[in-house]
Amino acid sequence: MISGADFLALQTLLQQRCGMALTSDKLYLVGARLGPVAQKLGHRSVIELMAALRSRPSEAAINAVVEAMVTHESLFFRDGKPFEQLRALLPELMRARAGGRHIRIWSAACSSGQEAYSIAMQIQEDCGHIPAWRWEIVGTDVSDPILAKARAGEYSAFEVKRGLSDARLARHCEPLGDGGWRMRAPLRQMTQFRPHNLLESAAHLGRFDIIFCRNVLIYFDAPTKTRALDVLARQLAGDGALFLGSADSIAGVSDKFLSVDRGQFQLAQPVLRKSA
């Protein structure tokens, strides 16, 4: 068990590097997640690892600790309802973008890419028959290893079964020799993956028509939520849509968005729009 001072140091590190609010009820995670990191870096225990971080921190060790503590849970078409909402929203958005025929979508905190590829699949299925449109999906995350996996677009048999029907698997993926699957070229051409911390300016990413930032804000405290939402608001088109997770409440932490009533599509994940 690490000391209170070490836990406070870990809380501060995660807050500063990625905005994660590590609460005391998550103390049990520390040993399980940092034990392998300590071993890999040549330390006999998590306590020794934390002592090294406090006395002589290296960027490699800090990155390894942050990578281990951040949750990278992801699956295809997660929760289902947001993709129904996207499907309902696309015709309206395409009418508004008919002049340029170009739509950009940001999958923020994209983890290993399943959300970004799910968006690409939905677009292919609903709009792939409409010629001369350019679709650009940008996935971002703080983890370089997880972004490398997303760029490769390769997933195990277990991973593709988490959210993909047999029909979608056959249509959108190609088998690999080891039993895994790779996203087909049209999906990989629609997507790109870039490093980005949600607490930093995203001006270099450009403006987006739709932003997915789901199941992320739950890990932030109120001031950090406000900061992240301000970043998202600056990059979202005035008539764009922000998709949040069902537990990602922004009540009282941001006045940059307002809820839009979309009937049945309001149920699971609220669709929020930038206010005037």
Protein backbone atom coordinates (compact mmCIF):
# COMPACT_ATOMS: atom_id res chain seq x y z
CA MET A 1 0.00 0.00 0.00
CA ILE A 2 1.45 3.37 -0.99
CA SER A 3 1.55 6.23 1.50
CA GLY A 4 -0.82 9.16 1.59
CA ALA A 5 1.97 11.42 0.29
CA ASP A 6 2.61 9.10 -2.65
CA PHE A 7 -1.09 8.90 -3.47
CA LEU A 8 -1.31 12.70 -3.38
CA ALA A 9 1.71 12.92 -5.69
CA LEU A 10 0.03 10.48 -8.10
CA GLN A 11 -3.22 12.44 -7.98
CA THR A 12 -1.35 15.66 -8.78
CA LEU A 13 0.58 14.03 -11.64
CA LEU A 14 -2.56 12.64 -13.30
CA GLN A 15 -4.45 15.90 -12.84
CA GLN A 16 -1.67 17.94 -14.43
CA ARG A 17 -0.91 15.55 -17.30
CA CYS A 18 -4.35 14.41 -18.43
CA GLY A 19 -7.00 15.95 -16.17
CA MET A 20 -7.86 12.65 -14.51
CA ALA A 21 -9.30 13.04 -11.01
CA LEU A 22 -8.03 10.02 -9.07
CA THR A 23 -10.30 9.70 -6.04
CA SER A 24 -9.49 7.78 -2.87
CA ASP A 25 -12.02 5.06 -3.72
CA LYS A 26 -9.77 4.14 -6.67
CA LEU A 27 -6.77 3.43 -4.44
CA TYR A 28 -7.20 -0.27 -5.14
CA LEU A 29 -6.33 0.37 -8.82
CA VAL A 30 -2.89 1.73 -8.07
CA GLY A 31 -1.20 -1.52 -7.15
CA ALA A 32 -2.83 -3.52 -9.93
CA ARG A 33 -2.00 -1.03 -12.66
CA LEU A 34 1.38 0.25 -11.51
CA GLY A 35 2.84 -3.08 -10.37
CA PRO A 36 3.74 -4.13 -13.95
CA VAL A 37 5.09 -0.62 -14.63
CA ALA A 38 7.36 -0.79 -11.59
CA GLN A 39 8.67 -4.19 -12.67
CA LYS A 40 9.27 -3.04 -16.24
CA LEU A 41 11.21 0.01 -15.06
CA GLY A 42 13.40 -2.07 -12.73
CA HIS A 43 11.80 -1.23 -9.39
CA ARG A 44 11.04 -3.81 -6.73
CA SER A 45 7.65 -2.35 -5.83
CA VAL A 46 5.12 0.40 -6.55
CA ILE A 47 6.41 2.17 -3.43
CA GLU A 48 9.90 2.23 -4.94
CA LEU A 49 8.49 3.47 -8.26
CA MET A 50 6.66 6.31 -6.52
CA ALA A 51 9.81 7.25 -4.60
CA ALA A 52 11.71 7.45 -7.88
CA LEU A 53 8.98 9.62 -9.43
CA ARG A 54 9.16 12.03 -6.54
CA SER A 55 12.96 12.22 -6.35
CA ARG A 56 14.20 11.85 -9.93
CA PRO A 57 11.25 11.74 -12.35
CA SER A 58 11.95 10.87 -15.96
CA GLU A 59 9.59 11.62 -18.82
CA ALA A 60 9.53 7.95 -19.80
CA ALA A 61 8.50 6.88 -16.30
CA ILE A 62 5.84 9.59 -16.07
CA ASN A 63 4.38 8.59 -19.42
CA ALA A 64 4.35 4.92 -18.41
CA VAL A 65 2.51 5.71 -15.18
CA VAL A 66 -0.08 7.92 -16.89
CA GLU A 67 -0.59 5.33 -19.63
CA ALA A 68 -1.19 2.60 -17.03
CA MET A 69 -3.65 4.63 -14.96
CA VAL A 70 -5.79 5.99 -17.80
CA THR A 71 -8.69 3.74 -18.76
CA HIS A 72 -8.72 2.69 -22.43
CA GLU A 73 -11.99 0.79 -22.51
CA SER A 74 -13.45 0.85 -26.02
CA LEU A 75 -15.68 -1.22 -28.26
CA PHE A 76 -17.43 -0.86 -31.60
CA PHE A 77 -20.77 0.98 -31.70
CA ARG A 78 -20.59 1.45 -27.94
CA ASP A 79 -24.03 2.04 -26.38
CA GLY A 80 -25.70 1.98 -29.79
CA LYS A 81 -27.92 5.03 -29.36
CA PRO A 82 -25.32 7.69 -30.31
CA PHE A 83 -24.96 6.09 -33.72
CA GLU A 84 -28.72 6.18 -34.21
CA GLN A 85 -28.51 9.87 -33.33
CA LEU A 86 -25.67 10.34 -35.81
CA ARG A 87 -27.70 8.60 -38.50
CA ALA A 88 -30.63 10.96 -37.86
CA LEU A 89 -28.39 14.03 -37.81
CA LEU A 90 -26.40 13.39 -41.01
CA PRO A 91 -29.09 14.34 -43.60
CA GLU A 92 -29.67 17.68 -41.87
CA LEU A 93 -25.93 18.35 -41.65
CA MET A 94 -25.36 17.36 -45.28
CA ARG A 95 -28.01 19.83 -46.42
CA ALA A 96 -26.21 22.56 -44.47
CA ARG A 97 -22.83 21.56 -46.01
CA ALA A 98 -24.09 21.01 -49.57
CA GLY A 99 -21.91 23.84 -50.88
CA GLY A 100 -18.55 22.42 -49.79
CA ARG A 101 -19.58 18.74 -49.52
CA HIS A 102 -17.03 18.24 -46.75
CA ILE A 103 -17.77 17.10 -43.19
CA ARG A 104 -15.23 16.74 -40.38
CA ILE A 105 -15.82 14.66 -37.25
CA TRP A 106 -13.62 14.52 -34.15
CA SER A 107 -13.47 11.42 -31.94
CA ALA A 108 -11.86 12.89 -28.83
CA ALA A 109 -10.14 10.52 -26.40
CA CYS A 110 -10.56 7.86 -29.09
CA SER A 111 -8.60 5.11 -27.31
CA SER A 112 -7.75 2.29 -29.74
CA GLY A 113 -9.98 3.62 -32.51
CA GLN A 114 -13.20 1.61 -32.29
CA GLU A 115 -15.37 4.72 -32.01
CA ALA A 116 -13.75 6.45 -34.98
CA TYR A 117 -14.10 3.35 -37.15
CA SER A 118 -17.71 2.88 -36.00
CA ILE A 119 -18.46 6.43 -37.17
CA ALA A 120 -16.78 5.64 -40.50
CA MET A 121 -18.88 2.48 -40.87
CA GLN A 122 -22.09 4.37 -40.14
CA ILE A 123 -21.22 6.98 -42.75
CA GLN A 124 -20.33 4.33 -45.32
CA GLU A 125 -23.61 2.51 -44.74
CA ASP A 126 -25.83 5.61 -44.81
CA CYS A 127 -24.00 7.99 -47.14
CA GLY A 128 -21.47 5.93 -49.10
CA HIS A 129 -23.74 5.85 -52.13
CA ILE A 130 -23.81 9.66 -52.37
CA PRO A 131 -20.96 10.79 -54.68
CA ALA A 132 -18.45 13.63 -54.30
CA TRP A 133 -18.57 14.02 -50.52
CA ARG A 134 -15.38 14.22 -48.47
CA TRP A 135 -15.53 12.77 -44.97
CA GLU A 136 -12.73 13.34 -42.49
CA ILE A 137 -12.68 11.61 -39.10
CA VAL A 138 -9.94 12.61 -36.66
CA GLY A 139 -9.31 10.48 -33.58
CA THR A 140 -7.15 11.88 -30.78
CA ASP A 141 -5.73 10.48 -27.54
CA VAL A 142 -2.88 11.14 -25.14
CA SER A 143 -1.38 7.66 -25.48
CA ASP A 144 1.10 7.00 -28.28
CA PRO A 145 0.87 3.18 -28.04
CA ILE A 146 -2.92 3.24 -28.18
CA LEU A 147 -2.83 5.60 -31.17
CA ALA A 148 -0.45 3.24 -32.97
CA LYS A 149 -3.00 0.45 -32.56
CA ALA A 150 -5.77 2.72 -33.85
CA ARG A 151 -3.73 3.68 -36.93
CA ALA A 152 -3.06 0.04 -37.74
CA GLY A 153 -6.79 -0.68 -37.58
CA GLU A 154 -6.09 -4.26 -36.52
CA TYR A 155 -8.17 -6.02 -33.86
CA SER A 156 -8.35 -9.48 -32.36
CA ALA A 157 -11.29 -11.83 -32.88
CA PHE A 158 -12.43 -10.95 -29.35
CA GLU A 159 -12.27 -7.20 -30.01
CA VAL A 160 -14.30 -7.24 -33.22
CA LYS A 161 -16.98 -9.37 -31.59
CA ARG A 162 -17.49 -6.55 -29.09
CA GLY A 163 -19.98 -4.54 -31.11
CA LEU A 164 -19.70 -5.79 -34.70
CA SER A 165 -22.35 -8.04 -36.23
CA ASP A 166 -21.26 -10.77 -38.61
CA ALA A 167 -22.63 -8.69 -41.50
CA ARG A 168 -20.62 -5.61 -40.53
CA LEU A 169 -17.53 -7.68 -39.91
CA ALA A 170 -17.71 -9.14 -43.42
CA ARG A 171 -18.48 -5.80 -45.05
CA HIS A 172 -15.99 -3.55 -43.28
CA CYS A 173 -13.12 -5.83 -42.20
CA GLU A 174 -10.63 -8.18 -43.82
CA PRO A 175 -9.29 -11.30 -42.08
CA LEU A 176 -5.69 -11.55 -40.94
CA GLY A 177 -3.68 -14.76 -40.78
CA ASP A 178 -3.59 -14.84 -36.97
CA GLY A 179 -7.36 -14.87 -36.57
CA GLY A 180 -7.61 -11.12 -36.18
CA TRP A 181 -9.23 -8.56 -38.47
CA ARG A 182 -8.20 -5.28 -40.12
CA MET A 183 -10.42 -2.39 -41.08
CA ARG A 184 -10.76 -2.26 -44.86
CA ALA A 185 -8.92 0.46 -46.79
CA PRO A 186 -11.95 2.78 -47.32
CA LEU A 187 -12.40 3.08 -43.55
CA ARG A 188 -8.69 3.66 -42.92
CA GLN A 189 -8.65 6.33 -45.62
CA MET A 190 -11.49 8.21 -43.89
CA THR A 191 -9.72 8.25 -40.53
CA GLN A 192 -6.57 9.71 -39.06
CA PHE A 193 -5.25 9.52 -35.52
CA ARG A 194 -3.26 12.24 -33.81
CA PRO A 195 -1.94 12.90 -30.29
CA HIS A 196 -3.83 15.50 -28.31
CA ASN A 197 -4.53 16.29 -24.66
CA LEU A 198 -8.10 17.51 -24.10
CA LEU A 199 -6.84 20.13 -21.67
CA GLU A 200 -4.73 21.84 -24.33
CA SER A 201 -5.68 24.01 -27.29
CA ALA A 202 -6.96 22.03 -30.26
CA ALA A 203 -6.67 24.90 -32.76
CA HIS A 204 -4.18 22.88 -34.80
CA LEU A 205 -6.86 20.24 -35.41
CA GLY A 206 -9.17 22.71 -37.13
CA ARG A 207 -12.94 23.11 -36.93
CA PHE A 208 -15.35 20.20 -36.73
CA ASP A 209 -18.98 19.70 -37.64
CA ILE A 210 -19.47 16.91 -35.09
CA ILE A 211 -17.49 16.03 -31.98
CA PHE A 212 -17.75 12.78 -30.05
CA CYS A 213 -16.36 13.07 -26.52
CA ARG A 214 -18.03 10.24 -24.68
CA ASN A 215 -17.36 8.68 -21.27
CA VAL A 216 -14.44 11.03 -20.68
CA LEU A 217 -15.74 13.89 -18.54
CA ILE A 218 -16.69 11.45 -15.76
CA TYR A 219 -12.97 11.23 -14.93
CA PHE A 220 -12.62 15.02 -14.51
CA ASP A 221 -13.45 17.31 -11.62
CA ALA A 222 -15.70 20.31 -12.30
CA PRO A 223 -12.97 22.88 -13.17
CA THR A 224 -11.28 20.39 -15.50
CA LYS A 225 -14.61 19.61 -17.19
CA THR A 226 -15.11 23.32 -17.82
CA ARG A 227 -11.63 23.62 -19.28
CA ALA A 228 -12.11 20.62 -21.59
CA LEU A 229 -15.54 21.80 -22.74
CA ASP A 230 -14.13 25.22 -23.55
CA VAL A 231 -11.54 23.50 -25.79
CA LEU A 232 -14.28 21.51 -27.54
CA ALA A 233 -16.52 24.56 -27.98
CA ARG A 234 -13.78 26.53 -29.72
CA GLN A 235 -13.39 23.79 -32.35
CA LEU A 236 -17.08 23.06 -32.96
CA ALA A 237 -18.95 24.74 -35.81
CA GLY A 238 -21.74 27.04 -34.71
CA ASP A 239 -24.37 24.61 -35.96
CA GLY A 240 -22.38 21.52 -34.99
CA ALA A 241 -23.22 18.76 -32.54
CA LEU A 242 -21.37 17.44 -29.51
CA PHE A 243 -22.05 13.86 -28.44
CA LEU A 244 -21.39 13.06 -24.77
CA GLY A 245 -21.67 9.87 -22.75
CA SER A 246 -24.83 9.19 -20.74
CA ALA A 247 -22.93 9.83 -17.49
CA ASP A 248 -21.04 12.89 -18.78
CA SER A 249 -23.13 15.59 -17.15
CA ILE A 250 -22.16 19.19 -17.90
CA ALA A 251 -24.84 20.79 -15.75
CA GLY A 252 -23.33 23.74 -13.92
CA VAL A 253 -19.89 23.38 -15.52
CA SER A 254 -20.36 24.94 -18.98
CA ASP A 255 -22.61 27.48 -20.65
CA LYS A 256 -21.14 26.81 -24.11
CA PHE A 257 -23.71 24.18 -25.08
CA LEU A 258 -27.44 23.68 -24.95
CA SER A 259 -29.46 20.50 -25.15
CA VAL A 260 -31.45 19.85 -28.32
CA ASP A 261 -34.63 17.81 -28.14
CA ARG A 262 -34.39 15.17 -30.85
CA GLY A 263 -37.32 13.03 -29.71
CA GLN A 264 -36.42 9.38 -29.35
CA PHE A 265 -32.79 10.17 -30.17
CA GLN A 266 -32.50 12.16 -26.96
CA LEU A 267 -32.82 9.07 -24.79
CA ALA A 268 -29.38 7.59 -24.16
CA GLN A 269 -26.77 10.18 -25.09
CA PRO A 270 -27.90 13.78 -25.22
CA VAL A 271 -26.98 15.65 -28.40
CA LEU A 272 -25.70 19.07 -27.44
CA ARG A 273 -25.12 22.07 -29.61
CA LYS A 274 -23.07 25.17 -29.28
CA SER A 275 -25.14 28.05 -28.01
CA ALA A 276 -25.28 31.35 -29.89
